[in-house]
Every structure is written in C-alpha cells, then in structure tokens.
Amino acid sequence: MGLLSFFNREVAMDLGTANSIVIYNDQVVIDEPSIVAYDRKMQKIVAVGEAAKRIEGKSKDIEVVRPLRGGVIADFEMAQHLIRELIGMTAANRSFLPPSLKMVICIPSGITNVEERAVRESAEQAGAKEIRMIHEPMAAAIGIGIDVLQPEGHMVVDIGGGTAEIAVISFGGIVCNTSIRIAGDVFNENVVEYMRRQHNMVIGIRTAEQVKIAVGAAVSELDEPPEDYLTHGRDQLTGLPKQISINYKEIAMALDRSIAQIEQAILDTLATTPPELAADIYKTGIYLAGGGALLRGLDQRIYSKTKLPVHIADDPLRAVARGTGIALKNFNKFSFLIR
C-alpha cells in the first residue's frame, strides 16, 4: 500500500477565476492568483500566481493573462500552463519517477459540457491521469461542515471571483440552483467605473480590488466601519497622478446594482425550492462562502431581503477548496457527488 501510494498521488484543486487553491495530503499547499505572465518577445511563460501579479502593468513586453473568466476557461493554452505550474509547485510532482496523478477539480454548477471538457482537457495536458469534477456549491457545503448526505435542506451562496453560485442541497444532491456571472470580478469593474464617473480618476483592476478589500461594503451603514482608504490613480482630465480618499459608503453605492442582482438570484432560487426544503431553510438559514462573503454587511443585507438567518463560513475563501479536499479524501463516501 505504501509503494502504491508513492506512485499514485491525489490532488484537490479549486481552479478559481481570481485564485487557485491546491490541497495535497490534506493541507493547502498552494494559494495563488490565477494569473500567468507571458513574455511575447521570448514567447514563454515567465511567472504564474503571485509572481505574475507583481509584474502586471509593469512591462510592455510581458502580457499578464487570466486564463479563467466567469468561472470557466477562457484561454485554453494558458490554463494548461497554470495548472501544470500549480501542480509543479506541490510535493505531488517532486519524485524520481513521475507519479500517476489523480485530481478532483471543482467547477461552477452552471458550466456547459464544452466548458467542462475544456477544464478536463487542460488538466490532462498538464499531466493528470484521472480527473474528476465536483460542483462548487456542493464542495462549499462540504467545506462549511454541512452534512450534505442528510435529507435536510440547506441553501449555500458561494460568491467567488467569476460566478455567484446559489444552490439548495439535500440528500447528496443539488435540488435547485442558480449560477450568475456576477461576483468579485464584476465588483472590481464596478469600482473602476465609479472612480471614473464620480472622481474623474482612472484606476486599474488591481487597485480596484485593493479598494474593495479595504473599504468594500454591501450596506451604507455599518456598526464598525473601516477607515477611509487613500486611492492612487490618474486624473482623467489632466493625465497627472492623483490621490483621493474613499469611504465604504461610496463603495456600497458602487456595488449596489450588482449585489441587488445576487439578491434577486437568491430570491429566484428560493421561489423554486420545494416546500419541504423551504421549511428546512427557514430553520437552517443561508450559508455564505467565497471571497464575496467577506464583503462588509452582505449578511445583513441578505437577511433584510429574505428574513432568513445568514451564516458566514469560517475561512470563506477556502471553503470550496476545503470541501473538494474532503471529497477527495473520502472518495468512497462522496463518489456519487463526483463526476
């Protein structure tokens, strides 16, 4: 058994639009931005992850590519490089003989067959011998600690970088779900547009993300508001560098329309939930996971809209990855959930 495990390695991966997390031996070994830096002149990959993010916007010869958009692969070749490099960073690939690599990758519940095949083929090209898939809401539920095998209804809202996944889970299955491509990336774009429109200031997506993390909010009244954030960019009128102070109320205004669409998706999913499961959700409430769950006041806003208890997962950023790892470790128990 020991010799067999030496030649057979198992890796769980949350291949996210914004960040990719790899779990090996029950540990998070990689947590890096889903970014690839490509040198057009030399025609080669020069960096991935955090190293690529630091290069973004700093060189005219190096193109920084995000292979995933809206939760799915947009650039097939770069996705292969990303997966291969992420696997290469783990101990799973550091042996004298190349191991037989088994992977479980989580995918959006609204993914098409073509998009799913692109994920599978990218992993195969990156060296994986056996690839299985698990839907993100199910992985999030497992990672949160919900017993998904029980005949009891639970609603999970996973707001990642590319998609917001809303699902009602019961008895090992997704009973009803909605997947919309409004999440962290769209929030960043909302901030860029707000800064341009309200302050005549041009900022990049990376700066917008920093603003969102520093003072992002879903409501305009917080009990413990964050301090105002100094934002740097370029004045749209003069073209000169500029600095202004931004507060959370402004960002709540900038994100309002996008959050309203997520709220509507939650209401639409609840409207299609069978009555018996709706009764369960009235007691169990709504569980938030993903980076979007960290948006200040989001739980408060969803509660005011649905009048249901709202719970934020412990370490929501890694809930999906953690659930994927648990499903891989307990493969026989969860095998019918994995495609």
Protein backbone atom coordinates (compact mmCIF):
# COMPACT_ATOMS: atom_id res chain seq x y z
CA MET A 1 0.00 0.00 0.00
CA GLY A 2 2.86 2.34 0.80
CA LEU A 3 4.56 1.64 -2.54
CA LEU A 4 1.27 2.07 -4.37
CA SER A 5 0.65 5.45 -2.74
CA PHE A 6 4.18 6.52 -3.79
CA PHE A 7 3.24 6.12 -7.45
CA ASN A 8 -0.34 7.42 -7.06
CA ARG A 9 -0.75 10.99 -5.88
CA GLU A 10 -4.06 12.72 -5.21
CA VAL A 11 -4.61 16.46 -5.53
CA ALA A 12 -7.72 18.57 -4.97
CA MET A 13 -7.92 21.88 -6.81
CA ASP A 14 -10.20 24.88 -6.59
CA LEU A 15 -9.44 26.37 -10.01
CA GLY A 16 -10.92 29.78 -9.37
CA THR A 17 -11.28 32.85 -11.57
CA ALA A 18 -9.37 35.01 -9.08
CA ASN A 19 -7.36 32.48 -7.04
CA SER A 20 -6.45 28.82 -7.34
CA ILE A 21 -6.01 26.65 -4.26
CA VAL A 22 -4.36 23.22 -4.27
CA ILE A 23 -4.75 20.70 -1.47
CA TYR A 24 -2.29 17.82 -1.14
CA ASN A 25 -2.03 15.44 1.81
CA ASP A 26 -4.97 17.24 3.48
CA GLN A 27 -3.03 20.52 3.50
CA VAL A 28 -3.41 23.72 1.49
CA VAL A 29 -0.06 23.77 -0.29
CA ILE A 30 -0.81 26.38 -2.96
CA ASP A 31 -2.97 29.50 -2.73
CA GLU A 32 -2.06 31.74 -5.66
CA PRO A 33 -3.79 34.20 -8.01
CA SER A 34 -4.99 32.52 -11.23
CA ILE A 35 -2.64 34.60 -13.36
CA VAL A 36 0.01 33.77 -15.96
CA ALA A 37 2.71 36.19 -17.17
CA TYR A 38 3.73 35.58 -20.79
CA ASP A 39 6.76 37.18 -22.45
CA ARG A 40 5.62 37.94 -26.01
CA LYS A 41 9.14 38.63 -27.25
CA MET A 42 10.65 35.41 -25.86
CA GLN A 43 7.36 33.51 -26.34
CA LYS A 44 7.49 31.78 -22.98
CA ILE A 45 5.84 31.78 -19.56
CA VAL A 46 7.90 33.80 -17.10
CA ALA A 47 5.74 33.61 -13.96
CA VAL A 48 2.45 32.37 -12.52
CA GLY A 49 0.42 33.25 -9.46
CA GLU A 50 1.62 35.97 -7.10
CA ALA A 51 4.86 36.46 -9.06
CA ALA A 52 2.84 37.14 -12.23
CA LYS A 53 0.54 39.51 -10.36
CA ARG A 54 3.51 41.65 -9.29
CA ILE A 55 4.53 42.03 -12.95
CA GLU A 56 1.07 43.16 -14.09
CA GLY A 57 1.18 46.52 -15.81
CA LYS A 58 4.95 46.88 -15.28
CA SER A 59 6.31 45.75 -18.66
CA LYS A 60 5.15 46.32 -22.23
CA ASP A 61 6.69 43.02 -23.41
CA ILE A 62 5.04 40.85 -20.76
CA GLU A 63 1.35 40.12 -21.09
CA VAL A 64 -0.41 39.15 -17.88
CA VAL A 65 -3.23 36.73 -18.66
CA ARG A 66 -6.10 35.46 -16.53
CA PRO A 67 -7.00 32.12 -18.18
CA LEU A 68 -10.36 31.88 -16.41
CA ARG A 69 -13.28 34.23 -16.89
CA GLY A 70 -16.68 33.88 -15.33
CA GLY A 71 -15.59 30.70 -13.58
CA VAL A 72 -14.63 28.89 -16.78
CA ILE A 73 -11.59 28.60 -19.02
CA ALA A 74 -11.28 31.46 -21.49
CA ASP A 75 -7.69 30.76 -22.64
CA PHE A 76 -7.12 27.03 -23.07
CA GLU A 77 -3.33 27.16 -23.57
CA MET A 78 -2.69 29.47 -20.64
CA ALA A 79 -4.97 27.38 -18.42
CA GLN A 80 -2.79 24.35 -19.19
CA HIS A 81 0.31 26.30 -18.17
CA LEU A 82 -1.37 27.49 -14.99
CA ILE A 83 -2.49 24.01 -13.91
CA ARG A 84 0.88 22.49 -14.81
CA GLU A 85 2.79 25.13 -12.85
CA LEU A 86 0.49 24.84 -9.83
CA ILE A 87 0.94 21.06 -9.79
CA GLY A 88 4.68 21.55 -10.22
CA MET A 89 4.78 23.72 -7.09
CA THR A 90 3.39 20.88 -4.97
CA ALA A 91 5.24 17.93 -3.47
CA ALA A 92 2.92 15.74 -5.56
CA ASN A 93 5.22 16.21 -8.55
CA ARG A 94 8.59 16.04 -6.81
CA SER A 95 9.74 12.47 -7.18
CA PHE A 96 12.28 10.48 -9.20
CA LEU A 97 9.55 8.88 -11.28
CA PRO A 98 6.51 10.92 -12.40
CA PRO A 99 3.51 9.92 -10.27
CA SER A 100 0.11 8.86 -11.53
CA LEU A 101 -1.82 11.98 -10.62
CA LYS A 102 -5.47 11.82 -9.63
CA MET A 103 -7.26 15.17 -9.40
CA VAL A 104 -10.63 16.39 -8.19
CA ILE A 105 -11.41 19.86 -9.54
CA CYS A 106 -14.44 21.92 -8.54
CA ILE A 107 -16.47 23.55 -11.31
CA PRO A 108 -19.41 26.02 -11.41
CA SER A 109 -22.83 24.38 -11.31
CA GLY A 110 -23.87 26.31 -14.43
CA ILE A 111 -20.93 25.12 -16.54
CA THR A 112 -21.68 23.84 -20.07
CA ASN A 113 -20.44 20.50 -21.42
CA VAL A 114 -17.96 22.32 -23.68
CA GLU A 115 -16.60 24.37 -20.75
CA GLU A 116 -16.33 21.25 -18.57
CA ARG A 117 -14.44 19.45 -21.33
CA ALA A 118 -12.00 22.38 -21.54
CA VAL A 119 -11.24 22.04 -17.81
CA ARG A 120 -10.77 18.28 -18.12
CA GLU A 121 -8.52 18.54 -21.19
CA SER A 122 -6.44 21.30 -19.60
CA ALA A 123 -5.81 19.09 -16.55
CA GLU A 124 -4.94 16.12 -18.80
CA GLN A 125 -2.50 18.22 -20.81
CA ALA A 126 -0.97 19.38 -17.53
CA GLY A 127 -0.21 15.76 -16.58
CA ALA A 128 -3.21 14.47 -14.61
CA LYS A 129 -4.09 10.83 -15.36
CA GLU A 130 -7.52 10.74 -13.70
CA ILE A 131 -9.71 13.83 -13.40
CA ARG A 132 -12.99 14.08 -11.52
CA MET A 133 -15.26 17.09 -11.07
CA ILE A 134 -17.42 18.34 -8.22
CA HIS A 135 -19.79 21.29 -8.37
CA GLU A 136 -18.73 24.36 -6.40
CA PRO A 137 -21.90 24.71 -4.24
CA MET A 138 -21.61 21.07 -3.15
CA ALA A 139 -17.91 21.46 -2.40
CA ALA A 140 -18.65 24.66 -0.47
CA ALA A 141 -21.34 22.91 1.59
CA ILE A 142 -18.97 20.08 2.47
CA GLY A 143 -16.23 22.58 3.31
CA ILE A 144 -18.57 24.59 5.54
CA GLY A 145 -19.33 21.43 7.51
CA ILE A 146 -22.87 20.73 6.32
CA ASP A 147 -23.83 17.04 6.28
CA VAL A 148 -24.90 17.02 2.64
CA LEU A 149 -25.99 13.37 2.79
CA GLN A 150 -28.84 14.06 5.20
CA PRO A 151 -32.40 14.62 3.86
CA GLU A 152 -32.46 18.20 5.09
CA GLY A 153 -32.46 21.34 3.00
CA HIS A 154 -29.59 23.83 3.13
CA MET A 155 -29.00 26.89 0.96
CA VAL A 156 -25.42 27.75 0.03
CA VAL A 157 -24.40 31.01 -1.67
CA ASP A 158 -20.83 30.86 -2.98
CA ILE A 159 -19.63 34.23 -4.34
CA GLY A 160 -16.27 33.73 -5.99
CA GLY A 161 -14.29 35.75 -8.49
CA GLY A 162 -16.24 34.85 -11.62
CA THR A 163 -19.59 33.45 -10.52
CA ALA A 164 -22.12 33.56 -7.73
CA GLU A 165 -23.47 30.06 -7.14
CA ILE A 166 -26.76 29.72 -5.27
CA ALA A 167 -27.89 26.18 -4.53
CA VAL A 168 -30.31 24.26 -2.34
CA ILE A 169 -28.71 21.00 -1.27
CA SER A 170 -30.39 17.95 0.26
CA PHE A 171 -29.73 14.21 0.45
CA GLY A 172 -26.49 14.36 -1.51
CA GLY A 173 -27.83 16.36 -4.42
CA ILE A 174 -28.37 19.89 -5.71
CA VAL A 175 -32.15 20.19 -5.81
CA CYS A 176 -32.29 23.63 -7.41
CA ASN A 177 -29.63 26.17 -8.23
CA THR A 178 -28.84 29.43 -9.98
CA SER A 179 -25.44 30.40 -11.34
CA ILE A 180 -24.82 34.00 -12.40
CA ARG A 181 -21.61 35.58 -13.64
CA ILE A 182 -21.74 38.46 -11.21
CA ALA A 183 -19.14 38.20 -8.47
CA GLY A 184 -15.75 39.57 -7.42
CA ASP A 185 -14.54 40.49 -10.92
CA VAL A 186 -17.70 42.47 -11.61
CA PHE A 187 -17.37 44.17 -8.22
CA ASN A 188 -13.88 45.30 -9.24
CA GLU A 189 -15.22 46.66 -12.53
CA ASN A 190 -17.96 48.48 -10.60
CA VAL A 191 -15.29 50.22 -8.51
CA VAL A 192 -13.28 51.19 -11.62
CA GLU A 193 -16.40 52.67 -13.23
CA TYR A 194 -17.43 54.51 -10.05
CA MET A 195 -13.98 56.11 -9.68
CA ARG A 196 -14.04 57.22 -13.30
CA ARG A 197 -17.57 58.59 -13.14
CA GLN A 198 -17.57 60.20 -9.69
CA HIS A 199 -13.95 61.29 -9.27
CA ASN A 200 -12.63 61.59 -12.86
CA MET A 201 -9.93 59.15 -11.83
CA VAL A 202 -8.63 56.17 -13.79
CA ILE A 203 -7.52 53.16 -11.74
CA GLY A 204 -6.58 49.61 -12.69
CA ILE A 205 -8.37 46.40 -11.75
CA ARG A 206 -5.65 45.56 -9.23
CA THR A 207 -6.15 48.90 -7.44
CA ALA A 208 -9.92 48.41 -7.56
CA GLU A 209 -9.53 45.07 -5.82
CA GLN A 210 -7.41 46.71 -3.11
CA VAL A 211 -10.13 49.33 -2.62
CA LYS A 212 -12.78 46.61 -2.42
CA ILE A 213 -10.81 44.72 0.23
CA ALA A 214 -10.02 47.85 2.24
CA VAL A 215 -13.42 49.57 2.27
CA GLY A 216 -15.78 47.27 0.38
CA ALA A 217 -19.31 47.11 1.81
CA ALA A 218 -22.77 45.97 0.81
CA VAL A 219 -24.65 48.45 3.01
CA SER A 220 -24.24 52.18 3.67
CA GLU A 221 -24.48 51.88 7.46
CA LEU A 222 -22.02 49.72 9.40
CA ASP A 223 -21.60 49.36 13.16
CA GLU A 224 -17.82 49.10 12.77
CA PRO A 225 -16.91 51.00 9.60
CA PRO A 226 -13.42 50.68 8.10
CA GLU A 227 -11.14 53.69 7.91
CA ASP A 228 -11.16 55.69 4.69
CA TYR A 229 -8.71 54.44 2.08
CA LEU A 230 -6.23 56.54 0.09
CA THR A 231 -6.52 55.56 -3.56
CA HIS A 232 -3.96 56.38 -6.24
CA GLY A 233 -4.62 56.66 -9.94
CA ARG A 234 -4.51 59.01 -12.92
CA ASP A 235 -6.60 62.15 -13.27
CA GLN A 236 -8.83 61.69 -16.30
CA LEU A 237 -8.73 65.39 -17.21
CA THR A 238 -5.08 66.34 -16.65
CA GLY A 239 -3.42 62.93 -17.09
CA LEU A 240 -1.41 63.53 -13.89
CA PRO A 241 -1.09 61.09 -10.96
CA LYS A 242 -3.78 61.68 -8.37
CA GLN A 243 -4.70 60.64 -4.84
CA ILE A 244 -8.11 60.74 -3.18
CA SER A 245 -9.71 59.30 -0.05
CA ILE A 246 -12.54 56.78 -0.48
CA ASN A 247 -15.01 55.62 2.18
CA TYR A 248 -17.10 52.47 2.46
CA LYS A 249 -20.38 54.28 1.74
CA GLU A 250 -19.13 55.16 -1.75
CA ILE A 251 -18.18 51.56 -2.48
CA ALA A 252 -21.55 50.34 -1.18
CA MET A 253 -23.12 52.69 -3.73
CA ALA A 254 -20.81 51.43 -6.48
CA LEU A 255 -21.66 47.77 -5.78
CA ASP A 256 -25.37 48.24 -5.12
CA ARG A 257 -26.68 47.15 -8.52
CA SER A 258 -24.52 44.02 -8.72
CA ILE A 259 -25.42 42.94 -5.18
CA ALA A 260 -29.10 43.51 -6.00
CA GLN A 261 -28.74 41.01 -8.86
CA ILE A 262 -27.26 38.43 -6.48
CA GLU A 263 -30.14 39.08 -4.08
CA GLN A 264 -32.62 38.51 -6.90
CA ALA A 265 -30.89 35.23 -7.81
CA ILE A 266 -31.27 34.10 -4.19
CA LEU A 267 -34.98 35.01 -4.24
CA ASP A 268 -35.46 33.21 -7.56
CA THR A 269 -33.82 30.06 -6.19
CA LEU A 270 -35.95 30.18 -3.05
CA ALA A 271 -39.06 30.55 -5.24
CA THR A 272 -38.27 27.23 -6.98
CA THR A 273 -37.40 25.36 -3.78
CA PRO A 274 -39.80 22.51 -2.87
CA PRO A 275 -41.97 23.43 0.15
CA GLU A 276 -40.50 20.80 2.50
CA LEU A 277 -36.96 22.03 1.82
CA ALA A 278 -38.07 25.65 2.12
CA ALA A 279 -39.31 24.78 5.61
CA ASP A 280 -35.86 23.39 6.44
CA ILE A 281 -34.12 26.51 5.11
CA TYR A 282 -36.37 28.67 7.30
CA LYS A 283 -34.66 26.94 10.25
CA THR A 284 -31.14 26.36 8.87
CA GLY A 285 -30.81 29.68 7.05
CA ILE A 286 -28.42 30.71 4.26
CA TYR A 287 -24.69 29.94 4.27
CA LEU A 288 -22.26 32.34 2.58
CA ALA A 289 -18.91 31.20 1.16
CA GLY A 290 -16.31 32.55 -1.26
CA GLY A 291 -14.45 35.85 -1.22
CA GLY A 292 -17.68 37.78 -1.68
CA ALA A 293 -18.84 36.59 1.74
CA LEU A 294 -16.19 38.90 3.24
CA LEU A 295 -17.93 41.99 1.88
CA ARG A 296 -18.91 44.00 4.94
CA GLY A 297 -22.62 43.96 5.70
CA LEU A 298 -23.53 41.44 3.00
CA ASP A 299 -25.05 39.04 5.53
CA GLN A 300 -27.04 41.94 7.00
CA ARG A 301 -28.32 42.95 3.56
CA ILE A 302 -29.35 39.41 2.56
CA TYR A 303 -31.12 38.98 5.90
CA SER A 304 -33.11 42.19 5.38
CA LYS A 305 -34.16 40.91 1.94
CA THR A 306 -35.04 37.31 2.86
CA LYS A 307 -35.72 37.46 6.63
CA LEU A 308 -33.71 34.23 6.92
CA PRO A 309 -30.70 33.63 9.20
CA VAL A 310 -27.44 34.22 7.32
CA HIS A 311 -24.23 32.44 8.33
CA ILE A 312 -20.75 33.31 7.03
CA ALA A 313 -18.48 30.27 6.68
CA ASP A 314 -15.28 30.04 8.68
CA ASP A 315 -12.49 30.99 6.26
CA PRO A 316 -14.95 31.51 3.37
CA LEU A 317 -12.15 31.97 0.83
CA ARG A 318 -11.09 28.34 1.25
CA ALA A 319 -14.46 26.69 1.89
CA VAL A 320 -14.75 25.33 -1.67
CA ALA A 321 -11.15 24.07 -1.73
CA ARG A 322 -11.54 22.51 1.71
CA GLY A 323 -14.71 20.72 0.61
CA THR A 324 -13.02 19.48 -2.57
CA GLY A 325 -10.19 18.07 -0.45
CA ILE A 326 -12.62 16.35 1.92
CA ALA A 327 -14.48 14.80 -1.04
CA LEU A 328 -11.17 13.51 -2.43
CA LYS A 329 -10.06 12.08 0.92
CA ASN A 330 -13.44 10.39 1.47
CA PHE A 331 -13.87 9.38 -2.15
CA ASN A 332 -15.96 6.27 -1.46
CA LYS A 333 -18.38 8.22 0.72
CA PHE A 334 -18.82 11.06 -1.77
CA SER A 335 -18.16 9.20 -5.03
CA PHE A 336 -21.71 9.72 -6.33
CA LEU A 337 -21.22 13.50 -5.97
CA ILE A 338 -18.08 13.46 -8.12
CA ARG A 339 -18.38 13.21 -11.92
